[in-house]
Amino acid sequence: MKSFSVWVSYVFIILASLGTAHAQNQEACRRVEFSREVLERFPNAQETCLDVISRDGQQYAVFRAQLDRVVGSRLQVRFENPDGSYGPATRIATERDFRVLVDGRPLRVSELSRNQELTAYVQVNEPMVALAPADASEHLHPVPLVIIPVARQSSEESSNEAQQVAAENPSMPATAGFANTIGTLGFLLIAGALAVKTLRRARWLRQQRLRSFG
């Protein structure tokens, strides 16, 4: 029977191997040659790369990404930099029933939450990106690598916030602001018409009085 210390050593070895499963393979990342098109959209791909793999006859660089939000079947993520910061918002289109692994659990895209960590693959020779599927035997579904400009991202965030407020307040239609404007304009027109009518009647009465005195 093995001693307790031997079993403890085995446990530490297993935990260490699990902890390094996603460690950066610096040698593979250093050797890989990204295309000019990839580097134009992802300038620090070489430094951010964790590993390089082959899937479906293509070479992919592996990256860790943090989820910003899900809009329908589209995910907005940010690739993690070596210093722990995050890069610009990147859009990845998927299917709603697509599953990814989060903390060892397979989750559909519709079940994901903000700030969860995902694994993304970027093709080395062209700007295409795919999320790592929960089932390792499943084929990847690469889509164009889309980096969202900051100004456009702010506009989308404002639009999403407005939609969220409307969804949380179903009694208030999304066109409430426009309807209020139309209502105000209608009130002003009616008030103006009444004022004109009042002035005309006052003028008529004055003319009648002048005639009676004449």
N, C-alpha and C. Protein backbone atom coordinates (compact mmCIF):
# COMPACT_ATOMS: atom_id res chain seq x y z
N MET A 1 0.85 -1.21 0.00
CA MET A 1 0.00 0.00 0.00
C MET A 1 0.88 1.25 0.00
N LYS A 2 0.57 2.16 -0.94
CA LYS A 2 1.40 3.35 -1.05
C LYS A 2 1.16 4.27 0.13
N SER A 3 2.19 4.98 0.51
CA SER A 3 2.09 5.89 1.64
C SER A 3 1.25 7.10 1.27
N PHE A 4 0.79 7.76 2.29
CA PHE A 4 -0.05 8.95 2.09
C PHE A 4 0.71 10.03 1.32
N SER A 5 1.97 10.20 1.56
CA SER A 5 2.76 11.24 0.89
C SER A 5 2.86 10.99 -0.61
N VAL A 6 2.91 9.69 -0.99
CA VAL A 6 2.98 9.36 -2.41
C VAL A 6 1.69 9.77 -3.11
N TRP A 7 0.54 9.46 -2.46
CA TRP A 7 -0.76 9.84 -3.04
C TRP A 7 -0.88 11.34 -3.15
N VAL A 8 -0.39 12.06 -2.15
CA VAL A 8 -0.43 13.52 -2.20
C VAL A 8 0.40 14.04 -3.36
N SER A 9 1.53 13.40 -3.62
CA SER A 9 2.38 13.81 -4.74
C SER A 9 1.66 13.62 -6.06
N TYR A 10 0.97 12.48 -6.19
CA TYR A 10 0.20 12.22 -7.40
C TYR A 10 -0.87 13.30 -7.63
N VAL A 11 -1.54 13.66 -6.54
CA VAL A 11 -2.60 14.68 -6.64
C VAL A 11 -2.02 16.00 -7.13
N PHE A 12 -0.87 16.39 -6.56
CA PHE A 12 -0.25 17.65 -6.98
C PHE A 12 0.19 17.61 -8.43
N ILE A 13 0.66 16.47 -8.88
CA ILE A 13 1.08 16.32 -10.29
C ILE A 13 -0.11 16.49 -11.22
N ILE A 14 -1.24 15.85 -10.84
CA ILE A 14 -2.45 15.94 -11.67
C ILE A 14 -2.95 17.37 -11.73
N LEU A 15 -2.98 18.05 -10.56
CA LEU A 15 -3.43 19.43 -10.53
C LEU A 15 -2.52 20.33 -11.34
N ALA A 16 -1.25 20.08 -11.27
CA ALA A 16 -0.30 20.89 -12.03
C ALA A 16 -0.50 20.72 -13.52
N SER A 17 -0.75 19.46 -13.93
CA SER A 17 -0.97 19.21 -15.35
C SER A 17 -2.25 19.87 -15.83
N LEU A 18 -3.28 19.88 -14.98
CA LEU A 18 -4.52 20.55 -15.35
C LEU A 18 -4.31 22.05 -15.44
N GLY A 19 -3.53 22.57 -14.54
CA GLY A 19 -3.30 24.01 -14.52
C GLY A 19 -2.52 24.49 -15.71
N THR A 20 -1.69 23.63 -16.31
CA THR A 20 -0.88 24.03 -17.45
C THR A 20 -1.49 23.61 -18.76
N ALA A 21 -2.72 23.07 -18.71
CA ALA A 21 -3.35 22.60 -19.95
C ALA A 21 -3.55 23.73 -20.93
N HIS A 22 -3.78 24.95 -20.42
CA HIS A 22 -3.98 26.09 -21.30
C HIS A 22 -2.80 27.06 -21.23
N ALA A 23 -1.66 26.56 -20.75
CA ALA A 23 -0.48 27.42 -20.68
C ALA A 23 -0.03 27.79 -22.08
N GLN A 24 0.63 28.94 -22.20
CA GLN A 24 1.05 29.42 -23.50
C GLN A 24 2.18 28.57 -24.07
N ASN A 25 1.99 28.10 -25.29
CA ASN A 25 3.02 27.37 -26.02
C ASN A 25 3.82 28.41 -26.81
N GLN A 26 4.75 29.05 -26.13
CA GLN A 26 5.46 30.17 -26.71
C GLN A 26 6.24 29.80 -27.96
N GLU A 27 6.77 28.61 -27.98
CA GLU A 27 7.57 28.19 -29.13
C GLU A 27 6.70 28.10 -30.39
N ALA A 28 5.55 27.45 -30.27
CA ALA A 28 4.64 27.31 -31.42
C ALA A 28 4.14 28.68 -31.87
N CYS A 29 3.79 29.54 -30.92
CA CYS A 29 3.30 30.87 -31.27
C CYS A 29 4.39 31.73 -31.91
N ARG A 30 5.62 31.51 -31.49
CA ARG A 30 6.73 32.29 -32.04
C ARG A 30 7.05 31.87 -33.48
N ARG A 31 6.85 30.58 -33.78
CA ARG A 31 7.18 30.06 -35.10
C ARG A 31 6.10 30.34 -36.14
N VAL A 32 4.86 30.45 -35.72
CA VAL A 32 3.77 30.59 -36.67
C VAL A 32 3.86 31.93 -37.42
N GLU A 33 3.49 31.91 -38.68
CA GLU A 33 3.53 33.12 -39.50
C GLU A 33 2.11 33.53 -39.88
N PHE A 34 1.61 34.56 -39.23
CA PHE A 34 0.28 35.06 -39.53
C PHE A 34 0.32 35.84 -40.85
N SER A 35 -0.77 35.76 -41.59
CA SER A 35 -0.86 36.50 -42.85
C SER A 35 -0.98 38.00 -42.57
N ARG A 36 -0.68 38.81 -43.59
CA ARG A 36 -0.77 40.26 -43.43
C ARG A 36 -2.19 40.68 -43.10
N GLU A 37 -3.20 40.01 -43.71
CA GLU A 37 -4.59 40.35 -43.46
C GLU A 37 -4.98 40.11 -42.00
N VAL A 38 -4.47 39.02 -41.42
CA VAL A 38 -4.76 38.73 -40.02
C VAL A 38 -4.13 39.79 -39.11
N LEU A 39 -2.88 40.13 -39.38
CA LEU A 39 -2.17 41.09 -38.53
C LEU A 39 -2.75 42.49 -38.66
N GLU A 40 -3.35 42.82 -39.81
CA GLU A 40 -3.98 44.13 -39.96
C GLU A 40 -5.15 44.28 -39.00
N ARG A 41 -5.88 43.20 -38.77
CA ARG A 41 -7.03 43.25 -37.87
C ARG A 41 -6.66 42.88 -36.43
N PHE A 42 -5.58 42.12 -36.29
CA PHE A 42 -5.19 41.61 -34.97
C PHE A 42 -3.68 41.78 -34.82
N PRO A 43 -3.21 43.04 -34.64
CA PRO A 43 -1.77 43.34 -34.67
C PRO A 43 -0.94 42.57 -33.64
N ASN A 44 -1.50 42.32 -32.45
CA ASN A 44 -0.73 41.64 -31.40
C ASN A 44 -1.07 40.15 -31.30
N ALA A 45 -1.47 39.55 -32.43
CA ALA A 45 -1.82 38.13 -32.43
C ALA A 45 -0.65 37.26 -31.98
N GLN A 46 0.55 37.60 -32.41
CA GLN A 46 1.73 36.79 -32.08
C GLN A 46 1.93 36.74 -30.57
N GLU A 47 1.80 37.88 -29.90
CA GLU A 47 2.04 37.94 -28.46
C GLU A 47 0.88 37.36 -27.66
N THR A 48 -0.34 37.48 -28.20
CA THR A 48 -1.53 37.03 -27.48
C THR A 48 -1.78 35.54 -27.65
N CYS A 49 -1.24 34.96 -28.70
CA CYS A 49 -1.42 33.54 -29.01
C CYS A 49 -1.04 32.64 -27.84
N LEU A 50 -1.87 31.62 -27.58
CA LEU A 50 -1.59 30.65 -26.52
C LEU A 50 -1.00 29.35 -27.06
N ASP A 51 -1.43 28.98 -28.26
CA ASP A 51 -0.99 27.72 -28.85
C ASP A 51 -1.36 27.73 -30.33
N VAL A 52 -0.86 26.75 -31.05
CA VAL A 52 -1.19 26.60 -32.46
C VAL A 52 -1.63 25.16 -32.69
N ILE A 53 -2.80 24.99 -33.33
CA ILE A 53 -3.34 23.66 -33.56
C ILE A 53 -3.74 23.51 -35.03
N SER A 54 -4.01 22.28 -35.43
CA SER A 54 -4.52 21.99 -36.76
C SER A 54 -5.91 21.39 -36.64
N ARG A 55 -6.88 22.01 -37.32
CA ARG A 55 -8.26 21.52 -37.30
C ARG A 55 -8.84 21.64 -38.70
N ASP A 56 -9.50 20.58 -39.14
CA ASP A 56 -10.18 20.59 -40.44
C ASP A 56 -9.26 21.03 -41.58
N GLY A 57 -8.02 20.61 -41.50
CA GLY A 57 -7.06 20.92 -42.56
C GLY A 57 -6.53 22.34 -42.53
N GLN A 58 -6.82 23.09 -41.47
CA GLN A 58 -6.36 24.47 -41.35
C GLN A 58 -5.53 24.63 -40.07
N GLN A 59 -4.62 25.60 -40.10
CA GLN A 59 -3.82 25.91 -38.92
C GLN A 59 -4.47 27.08 -38.19
N TYR A 60 -4.68 26.89 -36.90
CA TYR A 60 -5.33 27.91 -36.09
C TYR A 60 -4.45 28.29 -34.89
N ALA A 61 -4.48 29.58 -34.54
CA ALA A 61 -3.87 30.04 -33.30
C ALA A 61 -4.96 30.07 -32.24
N VAL A 62 -4.60 29.69 -31.03
CA VAL A 62 -5.57 29.60 -29.93
C VAL A 62 -5.49 30.86 -29.07
N PHE A 63 -6.65 31.39 -28.72
CA PHE A 63 -6.70 32.60 -27.90
C PHE A 63 -7.74 32.44 -26.80
N ARG A 64 -7.52 33.14 -25.71
CA ARG A 64 -8.52 33.21 -24.64
C ARG A 64 -9.28 34.52 -24.80
N ALA A 65 -10.60 34.45 -24.67
CA ALA A 65 -11.43 35.64 -24.86
C ALA A 65 -12.45 35.76 -23.75
N GLN A 66 -12.80 37.00 -23.44
CA GLN A 66 -13.83 37.27 -22.42
C GLN A 66 -15.09 37.75 -23.13
N LEU A 67 -16.23 37.21 -22.71
CA LEU A 67 -17.50 37.56 -23.34
C LEU A 67 -18.01 38.91 -22.83
N ASP A 68 -18.34 39.80 -23.76
CA ASP A 68 -18.96 41.09 -23.42
C ASP A 68 -20.47 40.93 -23.35
N ARG A 69 -21.06 40.42 -24.42
CA ARG A 69 -22.50 40.22 -24.45
C ARG A 69 -22.88 39.36 -25.65
N VAL A 70 -24.12 38.89 -25.61
CA VAL A 70 -24.68 38.08 -26.70
C VAL A 70 -25.89 38.82 -27.25
N VAL A 71 -25.92 39.02 -28.55
CA VAL A 71 -27.06 39.65 -29.22
C VAL A 71 -27.56 38.66 -30.26
N GLY A 72 -28.65 37.99 -29.93
CA GLY A 72 -29.16 36.95 -30.83
C GLY A 72 -28.18 35.79 -30.87
N SER A 73 -27.66 35.51 -32.05
CA SER A 73 -26.67 34.44 -32.19
C SER A 73 -25.27 35.00 -32.39
N ARG A 74 -25.10 36.31 -32.15
CA ARG A 74 -23.79 36.94 -32.28
C ARG A 74 -23.18 37.23 -30.91
N LEU A 75 -21.91 36.93 -30.78
CA LEU A 75 -21.20 37.18 -29.53
C LEU A 75 -20.22 38.32 -29.73
N GLN A 76 -20.11 39.16 -28.72
CA GLN A 76 -19.09 40.19 -28.71
C GLN A 76 -18.09 39.83 -27.63
N VAL A 77 -16.84 39.60 -28.04
CA VAL A 77 -15.80 39.17 -27.11
C VAL A 77 -14.60 40.09 -27.22
N ARG A 78 -13.70 39.96 -26.24
CA ARG A 78 -12.43 40.68 -26.24
C ARG A 78 -11.32 39.68 -25.97
N PHE A 79 -10.32 39.64 -26.84
CA PHE A 79 -9.21 38.73 -26.64
C PHE A 79 -8.32 39.22 -25.50
N GLU A 80 -7.89 38.27 -24.69
CA GLU A 80 -7.06 38.62 -23.53
C GLU A 80 -5.62 38.82 -23.95
N ASN A 81 -5.01 39.90 -23.48
CA ASN A 81 -3.61 40.20 -23.75
C ASN A 81 -2.71 39.51 -22.72
N PRO A 82 -1.42 39.37 -23.03
CA PRO A 82 -0.49 38.72 -22.08
C PRO A 82 -0.46 39.38 -20.71
N ASP A 83 -0.71 40.71 -20.65
CA ASP A 83 -0.65 41.41 -19.36
C ASP A 83 -1.97 41.34 -18.59
N GLY A 84 -2.95 40.58 -19.13
CA GLY A 84 -4.23 40.45 -18.44
C GLY A 84 -5.28 41.45 -18.88
N SER A 85 -4.89 42.45 -19.67
CA SER A 85 -5.87 43.40 -20.20
C SER A 85 -6.59 42.77 -21.39
N TYR A 86 -7.56 43.48 -21.94
CA TYR A 86 -8.34 42.93 -23.04
C TYR A 86 -8.31 43.87 -24.24
N GLY A 87 -8.30 43.28 -25.42
CA GLY A 87 -8.23 44.03 -26.66
C GLY A 87 -9.58 44.59 -27.07
N PRO A 88 -9.67 45.10 -28.30
CA PRO A 88 -10.92 45.70 -28.78
C PRO A 88 -12.03 44.67 -28.94
N ALA A 89 -13.25 45.15 -28.96
CA ALA A 89 -14.41 44.26 -29.11
C ALA A 89 -14.36 43.56 -30.47
N THR A 90 -14.62 42.28 -30.44
CA THR A 90 -14.60 41.46 -31.66
C THR A 90 -15.92 40.71 -31.75
N ARG A 91 -16.49 40.67 -32.96
CA ARG A 91 -17.78 40.02 -33.14
C ARG A 91 -17.59 38.63 -33.75
N ILE A 92 -18.28 37.64 -33.19
CA ILE A 92 -18.25 36.28 -33.70
C ILE A 92 -19.69 35.79 -33.86
N ALA A 93 -20.06 35.44 -35.07
CA ALA A 93 -21.41 34.94 -35.34
C ALA A 93 -21.43 33.42 -35.16
N THR A 94 -22.50 32.91 -34.54
CA THR A 94 -22.64 31.47 -34.30
C THR A 94 -24.11 31.08 -34.52
N GLU A 95 -24.39 29.82 -34.24
CA GLU A 95 -25.77 29.35 -34.19
C GLU A 95 -26.24 29.37 -32.73
N ARG A 96 -27.54 29.61 -32.52
CA ARG A 96 -28.04 29.72 -31.15
C ARG A 96 -27.89 28.41 -30.37
N ASP A 97 -27.92 27.26 -31.07
CA ASP A 97 -27.79 25.99 -30.37
C ASP A 97 -26.34 25.52 -30.30
N PHE A 98 -25.40 26.38 -30.75
CA PHE A 98 -23.98 26.04 -30.66
C PHE A 98 -23.56 25.99 -29.19
N ARG A 99 -22.75 25.01 -28.83
CA ARG A 99 -22.34 24.84 -27.43
C ARG A 99 -20.84 25.06 -27.29
N VAL A 100 -20.47 25.71 -26.18
CA VAL A 100 -19.07 25.90 -25.83
C VAL A 100 -18.86 25.42 -24.41
N LEU A 101 -17.62 25.19 -24.06
CA LEU A 101 -17.29 24.77 -22.69
C LEU A 101 -16.99 25.98 -21.83
N VAL A 102 -17.67 26.09 -20.71
CA VAL A 102 -17.41 27.14 -19.73
C VAL A 102 -17.28 26.48 -18.37
N ASP A 103 -16.08 26.54 -17.79
CA ASP A 103 -15.81 25.88 -16.51
C ASP A 103 -16.16 24.39 -16.57
N GLY A 104 -15.86 23.78 -17.70
CA GLY A 104 -16.09 22.34 -17.85
C GLY A 104 -17.53 21.97 -18.17
N ARG A 105 -18.42 22.95 -18.33
CA ARG A 105 -19.83 22.68 -18.63
C ARG A 105 -20.16 23.11 -20.05
N PRO A 106 -20.84 22.27 -20.82
CA PRO A 106 -21.27 22.68 -22.16
C PRO A 106 -22.49 23.59 -22.07
N LEU A 107 -22.37 24.79 -22.62
CA LEU A 107 -23.46 25.76 -22.57
C LEU A 107 -23.79 26.24 -23.98
N ARG A 108 -25.09 26.42 -24.24
CA ARG A 108 -25.52 27.01 -25.49
C ARG A 108 -25.17 28.50 -25.49
N VAL A 109 -25.09 29.08 -26.68
CA VAL A 109 -24.80 30.50 -26.79
C VAL A 109 -25.83 31.32 -26.02
N SER A 110 -27.09 30.92 -26.09
CA SER A 110 -28.15 31.65 -25.41
C SER A 110 -28.06 31.56 -23.89
N GLU A 111 -27.23 30.65 -23.38
CA GLU A 111 -27.09 30.47 -21.93
C GLU A 111 -25.86 31.18 -21.37
N LEU A 112 -25.08 31.79 -22.23
CA LEU A 112 -23.84 32.42 -21.78
C LEU A 112 -24.11 33.73 -21.05
N SER A 113 -23.16 34.09 -20.17
CA SER A 113 -23.28 35.32 -19.40
C SER A 113 -22.03 36.18 -19.59
N ARG A 114 -22.19 37.45 -19.31
CA ARG A 114 -21.09 38.40 -19.47
C ARG A 114 -19.89 38.02 -18.59
N ASN A 115 -18.69 38.28 -19.12
CA ASN A 115 -17.40 38.07 -18.44
C ASN A 115 -16.98 36.61 -18.36
N GLN A 116 -17.74 35.70 -18.96
CA GLN A 116 -17.29 34.30 -18.99
C GLN A 116 -16.13 34.16 -19.98
N GLU A 117 -15.22 33.23 -19.65
CA GLU A 117 -14.05 33.03 -20.50
C GLU A 117 -14.33 31.95 -21.54
N LEU A 118 -13.96 32.24 -22.79
CA LEU A 118 -14.15 31.32 -23.89
C LEU A 118 -12.82 31.10 -24.60
N THR A 119 -12.75 30.05 -25.40
CA THR A 119 -11.57 29.79 -26.21
C THR A 119 -11.92 30.03 -27.67
N ALA A 120 -11.11 30.83 -28.34
CA ALA A 120 -11.36 31.16 -29.75
C ALA A 120 -10.16 30.74 -30.59
N TYR A 121 -10.44 30.35 -31.84
CA TYR A 121 -9.41 29.96 -32.79
C TYR A 121 -9.42 30.95 -33.95
N VAL A 122 -8.24 31.45 -34.32
CA VAL A 122 -8.10 32.35 -35.46
C VAL A 122 -7.22 31.67 -36.50
N GLN A 123 -7.70 31.60 -37.74
CA GLN A 123 -6.91 31.00 -38.80
C GLN A 123 -5.62 31.79 -39.00
N VAL A 124 -4.56 31.08 -39.24
CA VAL A 124 -3.25 31.71 -39.39
C VAL A 124 -3.13 32.43 -40.72
N ASN A 125 -3.72 31.85 -41.79
CA ASN A 125 -3.49 32.40 -43.13
C ASN A 125 -4.57 33.35 -43.62
N GLU A 126 -5.69 33.49 -42.90
CA GLU A 126 -6.71 34.46 -43.29
C GLU A 126 -7.52 34.87 -42.06
N PRO A 127 -8.10 36.08 -42.10
CA PRO A 127 -8.82 36.60 -40.92
C PRO A 127 -10.17 35.93 -40.71
N MET A 128 -10.16 34.73 -40.21
CA MET A 128 -11.36 33.98 -39.89
C MET A 128 -11.23 33.50 -38.45
N VAL A 129 -12.35 33.51 -37.72
CA VAL A 129 -12.33 33.14 -36.30
C VAL A 129 -13.46 32.16 -36.02
N ALA A 130 -13.24 31.28 -35.05
CA ALA A 130 -14.26 30.31 -34.64
C ALA A 130 -14.13 30.07 -33.15
N LEU A 131 -15.25 29.83 -32.50
CA LEU A 131 -15.22 29.45 -31.09
C LEU A 131 -14.92 27.97 -30.97
N ALA A 132 -14.22 27.60 -29.92
CA ALA A 132 -13.94 26.19 -29.67
C ALA A 132 -15.23 25.50 -29.24
N PRO A 133 -15.69 24.47 -29.97
CA PRO A 133 -16.94 23.80 -29.59
C PRO A 133 -16.77 22.95 -28.35
N ALA A 134 -17.87 22.70 -27.66
CA ALA A 134 -17.82 21.86 -26.46
C ALA A 134 -17.38 20.45 -26.80
N ASP A 135 -17.80 19.95 -27.97
CA ASP A 135 -17.41 18.62 -28.44
C ASP A 135 -16.19 18.78 -29.34
N ALA A 136 -15.07 18.26 -28.88
CA ALA A 136 -13.81 18.43 -29.62
C ALA A 136 -13.85 17.79 -31.00
N SER A 137 -14.74 16.82 -31.22
CA SER A 137 -14.82 16.16 -32.52
C SER A 137 -15.67 16.94 -33.52
N GLU A 138 -16.34 17.99 -33.06
CA GLU A 138 -17.21 18.77 -33.94
C GLU A 138 -16.38 19.66 -34.85
N HIS A 139 -16.84 19.84 -36.09
CA HIS A 139 -16.14 20.71 -37.02
C HIS A 139 -16.28 22.16 -36.58
N LEU A 140 -15.23 22.95 -36.88
CA LEU A 140 -15.28 24.37 -36.57
C LEU A 140 -16.14 25.10 -37.61
N HIS A 141 -16.68 26.25 -37.19
CA HIS A 141 -17.49 27.06 -38.09
C HIS A 141 -16.90 28.47 -38.13
N PRO A 142 -15.78 28.63 -38.86
CA PRO A 142 -15.12 29.95 -38.90
C PRO A 142 -15.94 31.00 -39.63
N VAL A 143 -15.89 32.22 -39.12
CA VAL A 143 -16.56 33.38 -39.71
C VAL A 143 -15.54 34.51 -39.80
N PRO A 144 -15.80 35.53 -40.62
CA PRO A 144 -14.85 36.64 -40.73
C PRO A 144 -14.55 37.29 -39.38
N LEU A 145 -13.28 37.62 -39.18
CA LEU A 145 -12.84 38.28 -37.96
C LEU A 145 -13.22 39.75 -38.04
N VAL A 146 -14.20 40.18 -37.24
CA VAL A 146 -14.72 41.54 -37.30
C VAL A 146 -14.35 42.28 -36.02
N ILE A 147 -13.52 43.31 -36.15
CA ILE A 147 -13.18 44.17 -35.02
C ILE A 147 -14.12 45.37 -35.04
N ILE A 148 -14.81 45.63 -33.94
CA ILE A 148 -15.80 46.71 -33.89
C ILE A 148 -15.12 48.03 -33.52
N PRO A 149 -15.21 49.05 -34.39
CA PRO A 149 -14.63 50.36 -34.06
C PRO A 149 -15.24 50.91 -32.78
N VAL A 150 -14.47 51.70 -32.03
CA VAL A 150 -14.92 52.22 -30.74
C VAL A 150 -16.19 53.06 -30.89
N ALA A 151 -16.23 53.96 -31.89
CA ALA A 151 -17.40 54.83 -32.07
C ALA A 151 -18.64 54.00 -32.38
N ARG A 152 -18.49 53.02 -33.24
CA ARG A 152 -19.62 52.17 -33.60
C ARG A 152 -20.07 51.35 -32.41
N GLN A 153 -19.10 50.90 -31.62
CA GLN A 153 -19.42 50.10 -30.44
C GLN A 153 -20.24 50.91 -29.45
N SER A 154 -19.86 52.20 -29.24
CA SER A 154 -20.61 53.06 -28.32
C SER A 154 -22.02 53.25 -28.81
N SER A 155 -22.19 53.43 -30.13
CA SER A 155 -23.52 53.60 -30.70
C SER A 155 -24.36 52.35 -30.49
N GLU A 156 -23.74 51.17 -30.68
CA GLU A 156 -24.47 49.92 -30.50
C GLU A 156 -24.85 49.71 -29.05
N GLU A 157 -23.95 50.10 -28.13
CA GLU A 157 -24.25 49.95 -26.71
C GLU A 157 -25.44 50.83 -26.33
N SER A 158 -25.49 52.07 -26.86
CA SER A 158 -26.61 52.95 -26.56
C SER A 158 -27.91 52.37 -27.10
N SER A 159 -27.85 51.83 -28.33
CA SER A 159 -29.03 51.23 -28.93
C SER A 159 -29.50 50.03 -28.13
N ASN A 160 -28.54 49.20 -27.69
CA ASN A 160 -28.90 48.02 -26.91
C ASN A 160 -29.50 48.41 -25.57
N GLU A 161 -28.97 49.48 -24.95
CA GLU A 161 -29.52 49.93 -23.67
C GLU A 161 -30.96 50.42 -23.86
N ALA A 162 -31.24 51.13 -24.97
CA ALA A 162 -32.59 51.61 -25.23
C ALA A 162 -33.54 50.44 -25.43
N GLN A 163 -33.07 49.41 -26.17
CA GLN A 163 -33.90 48.23 -26.39
C GLN A 163 -34.16 47.50 -25.08
N GLN A 164 -33.14 47.46 -24.22
CA GLN A 164 -33.30 46.78 -22.93
C GLN A 164 -34.33 47.51 -22.06
N VAL A 165 -34.27 48.86 -22.05
CA VAL A 165 -35.24 49.63 -21.27
C VAL A 165 -36.64 49.39 -21.79
N ALA A 166 -36.80 49.36 -23.12
CA ALA A 166 -38.12 49.10 -23.70
C ALA A 166 -38.61 47.72 -23.35
N ALA A 167 -37.68 46.73 -23.33
CA ALA A 167 -38.07 45.36 -23.00
C ALA A 167 -38.47 45.24 -21.54
N GLU A 168 -37.79 46.00 -20.66
CA GLU A 168 -38.09 45.94 -19.24
C GLU A 168 -39.36 46.73 -18.90
N ASN A 169 -39.79 47.62 -19.83
CA ASN A 169 -41.01 48.41 -19.61
C ASN A 169 -41.93 48.21 -20.81
N PRO A 170 -42.60 47.05 -20.87
CA PRO A 170 -43.44 46.75 -22.04
C PRO A 170 -44.58 47.73 -22.24
N SER A 171 -45.02 48.43 -21.17
CA SER A 171 -46.10 49.40 -21.32
C SER A 171 -45.64 50.63 -22.08
N MET A 172 -44.34 50.82 -22.17
CA MET A 172 -43.80 51.97 -22.89
C MET A 172 -43.26 51.50 -24.22
N PRO A 173 -43.95 51.82 -25.35
CA PRO A 173 -43.50 51.35 -26.65
C PRO A 173 -42.16 51.95 -27.02
N ALA A 174 -41.47 51.27 -27.93
CA ALA A 174 -40.15 51.74 -28.35
C ALA A 174 -40.22 53.09 -29.03
N THR A 175 -41.41 53.45 -29.60
CA THR A 175 -41.57 54.72 -30.30
C THR A 175 -42.16 55.80 -29.41
N ALA A 176 -42.06 55.59 -28.08
CA ALA A 176 -42.66 56.54 -27.14
C ALA A 176 -42.13 57.95 -27.35
N GLY A 177 -40.83 58.10 -27.55
CA GLY A 177 -40.23 59.42 -27.75
C GLY A 177 -40.80 60.11 -28.96
N PHE A 178 -40.93 59.37 -30.08
CA PHE A 178 -41.49 59.95 -31.31
C PHE A 178 -42.95 60.31 -31.12
N ALA A 179 -43.72 59.44 -30.44
CA ALA A 179 -45.13 59.70 -30.20
C ALA A 179 -45.31 60.94 -29.35
N ASN A 180 -44.48 61.12 -28.34
CA ASN A 180 -44.57 62.31 -27.50
C ASN A 180 -44.33 63.57 -28.32
N THR A 181 -43.38 63.51 -29.23
CA THR A 181 -43.09 64.67 -30.08
C THR A 181 -44.28 65.03 -30.94
N ILE A 182 -44.89 64.01 -31.56
CA ILE A 182 -46.07 64.24 -32.40
C ILE A 182 -47.22 64.82 -31.57
N GLY A 183 -47.41 64.27 -30.34
CA GLY A 183 -48.47 64.77 -29.47
C GLY A 183 -48.27 66.23 -29.11
N THR A 184 -47.04 66.61 -28.79
CA THR A 184 -46.74 68.00 -28.44
C THR A 184 -47.00 68.92 -29.62
N LEU A 185 -46.57 68.50 -30.82
CA LEU A 185 -46.78 69.31 -32.01
C LEU A 185 -48.27 69.49 -32.30
N GLY A 186 -49.05 68.41 -32.13
CA GLY A 186 -50.49 68.51 -32.34
C GLY A 186 -51.15 69.48 -31.38
N PHE A 187 -50.71 69.43 -30.11
CA PHE A 187 -51.26 70.34 -29.09
C PHE A 187 -50.97 71.79 -29.45
N LEU A 188 -49.75 72.05 -29.92
CA LEU A 188 -49.38 73.42 -30.29
C LEU A 188 -50.21 73.91 -31.47
N LEU A 189 -50.45 73.03 -32.45
CA LEU A 189 -51.25 73.42 -33.61
C LEU A 189 -52.68 73.75 -33.20
N ILE A 190 -53.27 72.91 -32.34
CA ILE A 190 -54.64 73.16 -31.87
C ILE A 190 -54.71 74.47 -31.09
N ALA A 191 -53.72 74.68 -30.19
CA ALA A 191 -53.70 75.91 -29.41
C ALA A 191 -53.59 77.12 -30.32
N GLY A 192 -52.76 77.02 -31.37
CA GLY A 192 -52.60 78.13 -32.30
C GLY A 192 -53.90 78.43 -33.04
N ALA A 193 -54.58 77.34 -33.46
CA ALA A 193 -55.85 77.53 -34.18
C ALA A 193 -56.87 78.21 -33.29
N LEU A 194 -56.95 77.81 -32.03
CA LEU A 194 -57.89 78.43 -31.09
C LEU A 194 -57.56 79.90 -30.86
N ALA A 195 -56.25 80.20 -30.80
CA ALA A 195 -55.85 81.58 -30.59
C ALA A 195 -56.26 82.45 -31.77
N VAL A 196 -56.04 81.93 -32.99
CA VAL A 196 -56.43 82.68 -34.20
C VAL A 196 -57.94 82.90 -34.23
N LYS A 197 -58.70 81.85 -33.89
CA LYS A 197 -60.16 81.97 -33.88
C LYS A 197 -60.62 83.01 -32.86
N THR A 198 -59.98 83.01 -31.69
CA THR A 198 -60.34 83.98 -30.64
C THR A 198 -60.05 85.40 -31.10
N LEU A 199 -58.90 85.61 -31.76
CA LEU A 199 -58.54 86.94 -32.24
C LEU A 199 -59.52 87.42 -33.31
N ARG A 200 -59.91 86.53 -34.21
CA ARG A 200 -60.86 86.91 -35.26
C ARG A 200 -62.22 87.31 -34.66
N ARG A 201 -62.68 86.52 -33.66
CA ARG A 201 -63.97 86.84 -33.04
C ARG A 201 -63.90 88.17 -32.30
N ALA A 202 -62.76 88.42 -31.61
CA ALA A 202 -62.61 89.69 -30.91
C ALA A 202 -62.62 90.85 -31.89
N ARG A 203 -61.97 90.66 -33.05
CA ARG A 203 -61.95 91.72 -34.07
C ARG A 203 -63.36 91.95 -34.62
N TRP A 204 -64.11 90.88 -34.82
CA TRP A 204 -65.48 91.01 -35.36
C TRP A 204 -66.37 91.76 -34.38
N LEU A 205 -66.26 91.40 -33.08
CA LEU A 205 -67.05 92.08 -32.06
C LEU A 205 -66.71 93.56 -32.01
N ARG A 206 -65.44 93.87 -32.15
CA ARG A 206 -65.02 95.28 -32.12
C ARG A 206 -65.61 96.03 -33.30
N GLN A 207 -65.61 95.40 -34.46
CA GLN A 207 -66.19 96.05 -35.63
C GLN A 207 -67.69 96.28 -35.46
N GLN A 208 -68.35 95.29 -34.84
CA GLN A 208 -69.80 95.46 -34.60
C GLN A 208 -70.08 96.63 -33.67
N ARG A 209 -69.26 96.78 -32.63
CA ARG A 209 -69.45 97.89 -31.69
C ARG A 209 -69.23 99.23 -32.40
N LEU A 210 -68.18 99.29 -33.24
CA LEU A 210 -67.89 100.53 -33.95
C LEU A 210 -69.05 100.91 -34.87
N ARG A 211 -69.64 99.92 -35.53
CA ARG A 211 -70.76 100.18 -36.41
C ARG A 211 -71.98 100.69 -35.64
N SER A 212 -72.18 100.09 -34.46
CA SER A 212 -73.36 100.50 -33.68
C SER A 212 -73.21 101.95 -33.20
N PHE A 213 -72.00 102.36 -32.89
CA PHE A 213 -71.76 103.74 -32.48
C PHE A 213 -71.84 104.69 -33.66
N GLY A 214 -71.50 104.16 -34.83
CA GLY A 214 -71.51 105.02 -36.01
C GLY A 214 -72.91 105.33 -36.44
